[in-house]
Protein backbone atom coordinates (compact mmCIF):
# COMPACT_ATOMS: atom_id res chain seq x y z
CA UNK A 1 28.27 -30.39 -15.06
CA UNK A 2 28.59 -27.88 -17.91
CA UNK A 3 31.83 -27.98 -19.97
CA UNK A 4 34.04 -25.66 -22.05
CA UNK A 5 34.53 -26.65 -25.72
CA UNK A 6 36.74 -25.23 -28.40
CA UNK A 7 35.61 -23.97 -31.80
CA UNK A 8 38.66 -22.98 -33.83
CA UNK A 9 38.05 -20.21 -36.41
CA UNK A 10 41.52 -20.04 -37.98
CA UNK A 11 40.20 -21.16 -41.36
CA UNK A 12 37.57 -18.35 -41.34
CA UNK A 13 38.48 -15.41 -39.10
CA UNK A 14 42.19 -16.21 -39.13
CA UNK A 15 42.43 -16.04 -42.96
CA UNK A 16 40.51 -12.74 -42.98
CA UNK A 17 43.56 -11.23 -41.40
CA UNK A 18 45.09 -8.54 -43.55
CA UNK A 19 48.31 -9.51 -45.40
CA UNK A 20 48.17 -13.23 -44.73
CA UNK A 21 46.42 -16.22 -46.33
CA UNK A 22 46.27 -19.99 -46.48
CA UNK A 23 45.94 -22.21 -49.54
CA UNK A 24 43.01 -24.63 -49.60
CA UNK A 25 45.51 -27.56 -49.07
CA UNK A 26 46.97 -25.72 -46.04
CA UNK A 27 43.49 -25.15 -44.66
CA UNK A 28 42.78 -28.87 -45.04
CA UNK A 29 46.01 -29.95 -43.27
CA UNK A 30 45.14 -27.47 -40.44
CA UNK A 31 41.77 -29.14 -40.10
CA UNK A 32 43.60 -32.49 -39.68
CA UNK A 33 45.67 -31.02 -36.93
CA UNK A 34 42.62 -29.48 -35.22
CA UNK A 35 41.03 -32.90 -35.28
CA UNK A 36 44.13 -34.41 -33.76
CA UNK A 37 44.08 -31.78 -31.01
CA UNK A 38 40.53 -32.68 -30.07
CA UNK A 39 38.92 -29.40 -31.09
CA UNK A 40 35.11 -29.64 -31.12
CA UNK A 41 34.58 -27.73 -34.37
CA UNK A 42 36.48 -25.94 -37.12
CA UNK A 43 34.85 -22.97 -38.77
CA UNK A 44 36.30 -24.08 -42.02
CA UNK A 45 35.16 -21.40 -44.47
CA UNK A 46 32.56 -19.46 -46.37
CA UNK A 47 29.99 -21.60 -48.26
CA UNK A 48 28.97 -18.59 -50.38
CA UNK A 49 32.47 -17.85 -51.59
CA UNK A 50 32.92 -19.54 -55.00
CA UNK A 51 36.63 -20.24 -54.70
CA UNK A 52 35.93 -22.12 -51.35
CA UNK A 53 33.38 -24.53 -52.74
CA UNK A 54 35.63 -27.35 -53.94
CA UNK A 55 37.67 -27.16 -50.75
CA UNK A 56 34.56 -27.17 -48.49
CA UNK A 57 32.98 -30.14 -50.27
CA UNK A 58 36.24 -32.09 -50.30
CA UNK A 59 36.64 -31.62 -46.56
CA UNK A 60 33.03 -32.59 -45.94
CA UNK A 61 33.83 -35.79 -47.82
CA UNK A 62 36.79 -36.35 -45.52
CA UNK A 63 34.45 -35.93 -42.56
CA UNK A 64 31.88 -38.33 -43.98
CA UNK A 65 34.59 -40.95 -44.60
CA UNK A 66 35.84 -40.64 -41.02
CA UNK A 67 39.23 -39.10 -41.86
CA UNK A 68 38.14 -35.72 -40.29
CA UNK A 69 36.22 -37.16 -37.30
CA UNK A 70 34.95 -36.41 -34.74
CA UNK A 71 35.78 -32.81 -35.66
CA UNK A 72 32.78 -30.83 -36.83
CA UNK A 73 33.13 -28.64 -39.85
CA UNK A 74 31.05 -25.41 -39.59
CA UNK A 75 30.39 -22.78 -42.26
CA UNK A 76 30.04 -18.98 -41.67
CA UNK A 77 27.23 -17.09 -43.48
CA UNK A 78 25.12 -14.03 -42.93
CA UNK A 79 21.86 -14.57 -41.09
CA UNK A 80 19.84 -14.09 -44.29
CA UNK A 81 17.46 -16.69 -45.79
CA UNK A 82 18.98 -16.29 -49.31
CA UNK A 83 22.48 -17.09 -47.97
CA UNK A 84 21.14 -20.23 -46.26
CA UNK A 85 19.44 -21.43 -49.44
CA UNK A 86 22.59 -20.76 -51.53
CA UNK A 87 24.76 -22.53 -48.93
CA UNK A 88 22.84 -25.80 -49.32
CA UNK A 89 23.06 -25.48 -53.12
CA UNK A 90 26.84 -25.09 -52.96
CA UNK A 91 27.52 -27.54 -50.11
CA UNK A 92 24.65 -30.06 -49.86
CA UNK A 93 26.38 -32.10 -47.23
CA UNK A 94 27.11 -29.28 -44.79
CA UNK A 95 25.62 -29.94 -41.35
CA UNK A 96 26.89 -27.18 -39.11
CA UNK A 97 26.46 -23.42 -39.52
CA UNK A 98 26.97 -20.15 -37.75
CA UNK A 99 24.67 -17.35 -38.96
CA UNK A 100 25.85 -13.82 -38.30
CA UNK A 101 24.12 -10.45 -37.99
CA UNK A 102 25.07 -7.11 -36.38
CA UNK A 103 23.14 -6.08 -33.25
CA UNK A 104 24.65 -2.76 -31.83
CA UNK A 105 23.19 0.64 -32.36
CA UNK A 106 26.53 1.66 -33.86
CA UNK A 107 26.17 -1.07 -36.56
CA UNK A 108 22.50 -0.59 -37.05
CA UNK A 109 22.90 3.16 -37.66
CA UNK A 110 26.24 3.32 -39.37
CA UNK A 111 26.52 -0.08 -41.14
CA UNK A 112 22.97 -0.90 -42.11
CA UNK A 113 22.21 2.86 -42.69
CA UNK A 114 18.49 2.48 -41.74
CA UNK A 115 17.82 -0.60 -43.87
CA UNK A 116 17.27 -2.67 -40.74
CA UNK A 117 16.12 -1.84 -37.25
CA UNK A 118 16.03 -3.83 -33.96
CA UNK A 119 12.79 -5.63 -34.94
CA UNK A 120 13.90 -6.38 -38.50
CA UNK A 121 17.26 -7.84 -37.30
CA UNK A 122 15.39 -10.39 -35.10
CA UNK A 123 13.00 -11.16 -37.92
CA UNK A 124 15.79 -11.70 -40.48
CA UNK A 125 17.75 -13.87 -38.10
CA UNK A 126 14.80 -16.02 -37.08
CA UNK A 127 13.82 -16.72 -40.72
CA UNK A 128 17.39 -17.69 -41.52
CA UNK A 129 17.56 -20.09 -38.52
CA UNK A 130 14.26 -21.72 -39.50
CA UNK A 131 15.40 -22.12 -43.08
CA UNK A 132 18.74 -23.71 -42.11
CA UNK A 133 16.92 -26.18 -39.91
CA UNK A 134 14.45 -27.03 -42.72
CA UNK A 135 17.40 -27.51 -45.10
CA UNK A 136 19.01 -30.08 -42.87
CA UNK A 137 21.44 -28.24 -40.55
CA UNK A 138 22.19 -30.38 -37.52
CA UNK A 139 23.56 -27.54 -35.41
CA UNK A 140 23.07 -23.80 -35.68
CA UNK A 141 24.96 -21.06 -33.94
CA UNK A 142 23.77 -17.44 -34.18
CA UNK A 143 26.33 -14.62 -33.98
CA UNK A 144 25.60 -11.18 -32.63
CA UNK A 145 28.26 -9.11 -34.21
CA UNK A 146 29.37 -6.28 -31.92
CA UNK A 147 27.59 -7.91 -29.05
CA UNK A 148 29.87 -6.22 -26.51
CA UNK A 149 28.54 -2.77 -27.57
CA UNK A 150 24.89 -3.90 -27.79
CA UNK A 151 22.33 -2.94 -25.23
CA UNK A 152 22.04 -5.81 -22.74
CA UNK A 153 18.28 -5.66 -22.71
CA UNK A 154 18.16 -5.94 -26.49
CA UNK A 155 20.66 -8.69 -26.56
CA UNK A 156 18.72 -10.80 -24.15
CA UNK A 157 15.69 -10.23 -26.41
CA UNK A 158 17.71 -11.28 -29.44
CA UNK A 159 19.08 -14.43 -27.72
CA UNK A 160 15.53 -15.37 -26.63
CA UNK A 161 14.35 -15.02 -30.21
CA UNK A 162 17.15 -17.18 -31.65
CA UNK A 163 16.43 -19.95 -29.10
CA UNK A 164 12.73 -19.79 -30.00
CA UNK A 165 13.66 -19.98 -33.71
CA UNK A 166 15.48 -23.22 -33.04
CA UNK A 167 19.18 -22.30 -32.76
CA UNK A 168 21.51 -24.41 -30.66
CA UNK A 169 24.02 -21.78 -29.51
CA UNK A 170 24.47 -18.04 -29.18
CA UNK A 171 27.87 -16.52 -30.22
CA UNK A 172 28.73 -13.40 -28.26
CA UNK A 173 31.11 -11.34 -30.42
CA UNK A 174 33.42 -8.93 -28.82
CA UNK A 175 34.09 -7.66 -32.31
CA UNK A 176 36.25 -4.69 -31.28
CA UNK A 177 37.94 -6.40 -28.37
CA UNK A 178 36.60 -3.77 -25.98
CA UNK A 179 35.35 -6.08 -23.25
CA UNK A 180 37.40 -6.88 -20.10
CA UNK A 181 37.31 -10.25 -18.32
CA UNK A 182 35.05 -8.57 -15.77
CA UNK A 183 32.55 -6.89 -18.03
CA UNK A 184 32.11 -9.95 -20.23
CA UNK A 185 31.62 -12.17 -17.10
CA UNK A 186 28.78 -9.98 -15.90
CA UNK A 187 27.12 -9.75 -19.33
CA UNK A 188 27.38 -13.46 -20.24
CA UNK A 189 26.12 -14.60 -16.76
CA UNK A 190 23.02 -12.42 -17.11
CA UNK A 191 22.33 -13.67 -20.62
CA UNK A 192 22.88 -17.31 -19.77
CA UNK A 193 20.80 -17.11 -16.60
CA UNK A 194 17.92 -15.38 -18.42
CA UNK A 195 17.81 -17.48 -21.59
CA UNK A 196 19.44 -20.76 -20.70
CA UNK A 197 21.31 -21.52 -24.00
CA UNK A 198 24.94 -22.58 -24.60
CA UNK A 199 27.13 -19.63 -25.34
CA UNK A 200 30.10 -19.05 -27.67
CA UNK A 201 32.75 -16.52 -26.90
CA UNK A 202 34.29 -14.84 -29.95
CA UNK A 203 36.76 -12.19 -28.74
CA UNK A 204 39.46 -10.00 -30.30
CA UNK A 205 42.77 -8.82 -28.86
CA UNK A 206 42.62 -5.06 -29.47
CA UNK A 207 43.34 -4.41 -25.77
CA UNK A 208 45.61 -7.45 -25.21
CA UNK A 209 43.15 -9.30 -23.06
CA UNK A 210 41.66 -11.75 -25.49
CA UNK A 211 42.42 -14.95 -23.62
CA UNK A 212 41.24 -13.38 -20.36
CA UNK A 213 37.94 -12.15 -21.93
CA UNK A 214 37.37 -15.55 -23.66
CA UNK A 215 37.95 -17.54 -20.51
CA UNK A 216 36.02 -15.01 -18.41
CA UNK A 217 32.98 -15.37 -20.60
CA UNK A 218 33.23 -19.12 -20.66
CA UNK A 219 33.37 -19.49 -16.89
CA UNK A 220 30.39 -17.07 -16.58
CA UNK A 221 28.38 -19.38 -18.90
CA UNK A 222 29.44 -22.41 -16.80
CA UNK A 223 28.58 -20.63 -13.56
CA UNK A 224 25.14 -19.99 -14.89
CA UNK A 225 24.78 -23.70 -15.71
CA UNK A 226 25.26 -23.83 -19.54
CA UNK A 227 28.05 -25.12 -21.83
CA UNK A 228 30.55 -22.63 -23.23
CA UNK A 229 32.40 -22.67 -26.54
CA UNK A 230 35.48 -20.53 -26.89
CA UNK A 231 36.50 -19.44 -30.44
CA UNK A 232 40.25 -19.72 -30.96
CA UNK A 233 42.83 -19.34 -33.74
CA UNK A 234 46.15 -21.17 -34.02
CA UNK A 235 48.97 -18.88 -32.96
CA UNK A 236 46.47 -16.14 -32.13
CA UNK A 237 45.94 -15.21 -35.79
CA UNK A 238 42.93 -12.98 -36.53
CA UNK A 239 41.80 -9.61 -37.73
CA UNK A 240 43.73 -6.58 -36.46
CA UNK A 241 45.45 -7.67 -33.15
CA UNK A 242 44.14 -11.25 -33.49
CA UNK A 243 41.89 -13.73 -31.78
CA UNK A 244 42.29 -15.99 -28.72
CA UNK A 245 45.32 -18.23 -29.11
CA UNK A 246 44.30 -21.89 -29.13
CA UNK A 247 47.13 -23.16 -26.99
CA UNK A 248 47.07 -20.33 -24.49
CA UNK A 249 43.33 -20.85 -23.94
CA UNK A 250 43.88 -24.55 -23.22
CA UNK A 251 46.73 -23.77 -20.82
CA UNK A 252 44.74 -21.09 -19.04
CA UNK A 253 41.88 -23.41 -18.33
CA UNK A 254 44.13 -26.32 -17.32
CA UNK A 255 46.55 -24.40 -15.16
CA UNK A 256 44.91 -21.07 -14.21
CA UNK A 257 44.56 -20.59 -10.53
CA UNK A 258 40.87 -21.16 -9.55
CA UNK A 259 40.10 -22.61 -12.99
CA UNK A 260 41.77 -26.00 -13.33
CA UNK A 261 40.05 -27.53 -10.31
CA UNK A 262 36.59 -26.03 -10.92
CA UNK A 263 35.90 -25.93 -14.70
CA UNK A 264 35.98 -28.81 -17.07
CA UNK A 265 37.56 -28.61 -20.50
CA UNK A 266 36.35 -30.94 -23.26
CA UNK A 267 38.14 -34.22 -22.35
CA UNK A 268 39.02 -34.81 -26.07
CA UNK A 269 41.46 -31.93 -26.10
CA UNK A 270 45.00 -33.24 -26.82
CA UNK A 271 47.85 -30.83 -26.31
CA UNK A 272 50.36 -33.40 -27.54
CA UNK A 273 49.68 -32.27 -31.10
CA UNK A 274 50.05 -28.53 -30.28
CA UNK A 275 53.76 -28.21 -31.13
CA UNK A 276 53.41 -29.73 -34.62
CA UNK A 277 50.11 -27.84 -35.34
CA UNK A 278 51.56 -24.45 -34.34
CA UNK A 279 54.76 -24.99 -36.25
CA UNK A 280 52.78 -26.02 -39.40
CA UNK A 281 50.52 -22.91 -39.11
CA UNK A 282 53.56 -20.78 -38.67
CA UNK A 283 55.07 -22.12 -41.92
CA UNK A 284 51.81 -21.96 -43.82
CA UNK A 285 51.11 -18.33 -42.73
CA UNK A 286 54.71 -17.40 -43.24
CA UNK A 287 54.72 -15.75 -39.81
CA UNK A 288 57.28 -16.86 -37.10
CA UNK A 289 55.89 -17.92 -33.69
CA UNK A 290 56.85 -15.09 -31.17
CA UNK A 291 59.59 -16.29 -28.91
CA UNK A 292 57.47 -15.56 -25.81
CA UNK A 293 54.27 -17.30 -27.12
CA UNK A 294 52.80 -19.41 -24.32
CA UNK A 295 53.68 -23.10 -24.54
CA UNK A 296 55.15 -23.05 -28.09
CA UNK A 297 57.44 -20.03 -28.22
CA UNK A 298 61.16 -20.75 -28.29
CA UNK A 299 61.59 -19.06 -24.90
CA UNK A 300 58.68 -20.73 -23.22
CA UNK A 301 61.02 -23.19 -21.51
CA UNK A 302 64.28 -21.31 -21.84
CA UNK A 303 66.22 -20.17 -18.72
CA UNK A 304 69.31 -17.92 -18.68
CA UNK A 305 69.22 -15.99 -15.36
CA UNK A 306 71.50 -17.71 -12.90
CA UNK A 307 68.83 -18.05 -10.16
CA UNK A 308 66.23 -19.36 -12.68
CA UNK A 309 68.53 -21.75 -14.44
CA UNK A 310 69.76 -23.19 -11.09
CA UNK A 311 66.13 -23.54 -9.87
CA UNK A 312 64.93 -25.18 -13.07
CA UNK A 313 67.76 -27.65 -13.05
CA UNK A 314 67.02 -28.68 -9.44
CA UNK A 315 63.30 -29.05 -10.08
CA UNK A 316 61.46 -27.90 -13.23
CA UNK A 317 58.50 -26.95 -11.07
CA UNK A 318 60.50 -24.09 -9.60
CA UNK A 319 60.17 -22.10 -12.78
CA UNK A 320 57.92 -24.07 -15.15
CA UNK A 321 54.14 -24.24 -14.72
CA UNK A 322 53.57 -27.14 -17.06
CA UNK A 323 55.79 -29.69 -18.84
CA UNK A 324 57.09 -29.14 -22.38
CA UNK A 325 56.38 -32.81 -23.18
CA UNK A 326 52.61 -32.10 -22.65
CA UNK A 327 52.73 -29.86 -25.76
CA UNK A 328 54.48 -32.51 -27.93
CA UNK A 329 57.88 -30.82 -27.45
CA UNK A 330 61.15 -32.53 -26.73
CA UNK A 331 61.01 -35.18 -29.45
CA UNK A 332 64.06 -35.60 -31.71
CA UNK A 333 63.91 -33.48 -34.87
CA UNK A 334 66.20 -34.34 -37.80
CA UNK A 335 67.39 -31.42 -39.97
CA UNK A 336 69.26 -32.46 -43.18
CA UNK A 337 72.43 -30.45 -43.69
CA UNK A 338 73.89 -32.30 -46.64
CA UNK A 339 72.36 -33.07 -50.05
CA UNK A 340 68.63 -32.44 -50.24
CA UNK A 341 66.16 -33.50 -52.98
CA UNK A 342 62.91 -31.61 -52.93
CA UNK A 343 59.79 -31.82 -55.02
CA UNK A 344 58.30 -28.78 -56.69
CA UNK A 345 56.30 -27.77 -59.78
CA UNK A 346 59.11 -28.85 -62.11
CA UNK A 347 60.24 -32.03 -60.43
CA UNK A 348 60.99 -35.19 -62.27
CA UNK A 349 60.00 -38.74 -61.31
CA UNK A 350 63.36 -39.84 -59.85
CA UNK A 351 63.67 -36.99 -57.37
CA UNK A 352 60.05 -37.40 -56.57
CA UNK A 353 60.42 -41.13 -55.78
CA UNK A 354 63.47 -40.32 -53.56
CA UNK A 355 61.43 -37.95 -51.44
CA UNK A 356 58.55 -40.40 -51.01
CA UNK A 357 60.86 -43.29 -50.22
CA UNK A 358 62.18 -41.25 -47.27
CA UNK A 359 58.55 -40.94 -46.18
CA UNK A 360 58.16 -44.67 -46.51
CA UNK A 361 55.36 -44.23 -49.03
CA UNK A 362 55.21 -46.87 -51.76
CA UNK A 363 53.34 -46.66 -55.08
CA UNK A 364 51.68 -49.65 -56.80
CA UNK A 365 53.38 -48.81 -60.12
CA UNK A 366 54.70 -46.18 -62.48
CA UNK A 367 51.24 -44.91 -63.35
CA UNK A 368 50.29 -44.23 -59.76
CA UNK A 369 53.61 -42.54 -59.07
CA UNK A 370 53.18 -40.23 -62.12
CA UNK A 371 49.67 -39.43 -61.07
CA UNK A 372 50.75 -38.39 -57.53
CA UNK A 373 53.74 -36.44 -59.02
CA UNK A 374 51.32 -34.41 -61.19
CA UNK A 375 49.23 -33.58 -58.07
CA UNK A 376 52.35 -32.63 -56.11
CA UNK A 377 53.41 -30.27 -58.91
CA UNK A 378 49.99 -28.60 -58.84
CA UNK A 379 50.11 -28.39 -55.07
CA UNK A 380 53.45 -26.57 -55.23
CA UNK A 381 51.90 -24.00 -57.58
CA UNK A 382 48.88 -23.84 -55.33
CA UNK A 383 50.98 -23.24 -52.13
CA UNK A 384 53.74 -21.23 -53.72
CA UNK A 385 56.22 -22.75 -51.31
CA UNK A 386 57.81 -26.18 -50.84
CA UNK A 387 55.46 -28.87 -49.58
CA UNK A 388 56.04 -30.28 -46.04
CA UNK A 389 55.77 -33.93 -45.07
CA UNK A 390 52.13 -33.68 -43.93
CA UNK A 391 51.09 -32.31 -47.29
CA UNK A 392 53.06 -34.89 -49.28
CA UNK A 393 51.53 -37.74 -47.26
CA UNK A 394 48.03 -36.32 -47.56
CA UNK A 395 48.29 -36.10 -51.39
CA UNK A 396 49.49 -39.69 -51.62
CA UNK A 397 46.82 -40.94 -49.25
CA UNK A 398 43.89 -38.93 -50.63
CA UNK A 399 44.64 -38.19 -54.30
CA UNK A 400 41.06 -37.73 -55.31
CA UNK A 401 40.36 -35.34 -52.44
CA UNK A 402 43.58 -33.49 -53.15
CA UNK A 403 42.52 -33.12 -56.84
CA UNK A 404 39.28 -31.48 -55.76
CA UNK A 405 41.09 -29.19 -53.28
CA UNK A 406 43.51 -28.06 -55.97
CA UNK A 407 40.83 -27.43 -58.65
CA UNK A 408 39.85 -23.81 -59.26
CA UNK A 409 37.22 -22.73 -61.78
CA UNK A 410 37.41 -18.90 -62.05
CA UNK A 411 34.35 -17.24 -63.55
CA UNK A 412 32.70 -20.64 -63.92
CA UNK A 413 29.28 -19.17 -63.29
CA UNK A 414 29.52 -16.56 -66.10
CA UNK A 415 27.60 -17.22 -69.23
CA UNK A 416 29.51 -17.59 -72.51
CA UNK A 417 29.64 -14.42 -74.49
């Protein structure tokens, strides 16, 4: 029976969102949460972007050591042979890639400006896929940017070519968010039936239908007998109006009428970590979670109307579709209201030790404590905001990895003048 898997793209598409960003440490912690949530793969960054290299390689080390496992770490690059070659120079241990190229006539005429035509696009993509496989890629997805505005006949030809070249998945990109759940269902089912290859759904929320289109495409793939992979972002972050919200997608598949009893979501998915993951992402992005956000918004389980409150108190099922405990909500949260000692870029050893003692983290001696303190200072400069418990613990547990993540080498490739 085909399944639906989740590939989260917060650390790639999410951070491309205008006016927001994540530090490399925050991206790492988010990967830890995605692993805890049972996400199949994190699109963790750009192997060709110099300032990402240390972070990418450090996270690949975490994966190799089992800390970030079984989560797969996938890089995003253009479907160009040169990009593939450079990727494996920068990140020799990378195993999973998504190669992207535009396919619509709009993009061919008004983005490529005549440099590529339909035939050349397939040729470039095929060469890139073959090179990635030769270099050691274990899984390869190929993205058709603006697939929703691409001729279906050409798209089927493109997908057939990528399968023949050796790719593992096809990513259908509704780049402008113009598909509806109905149009994407029809298109995906035809592609999947014709080519028989697993399909990723990468949708945007420009029309407010992103979860519907993502799920609609996924069930079309399953109905045609192939696995589906939905691209998500934590809290629905993403370019312009955003991408499919991770939690909302999970809830839709698990509780949607006609879905929960027919389609199978990856059994590793663990909603228990959702509350913590979404709160962390909100803090890291500096963007509050909307009060009406499915599952994790402050009003998701709030009742004020007399009829609703009365009904919910009698039986939560009267007005609640799923349980708040399922999302990791309802646990006691302690908020300090008296004296607080925090650690920052100018902290001393006594205050630092006080904070870590509360986290029940012990150091072998003064030298180790001072070494971790120095890393914590750098991390505060790196994040430009107070570190949270998850970040403090991570630095203490993985100091060498933290050092790599925090290390930047601007203009390192320039020759000395």
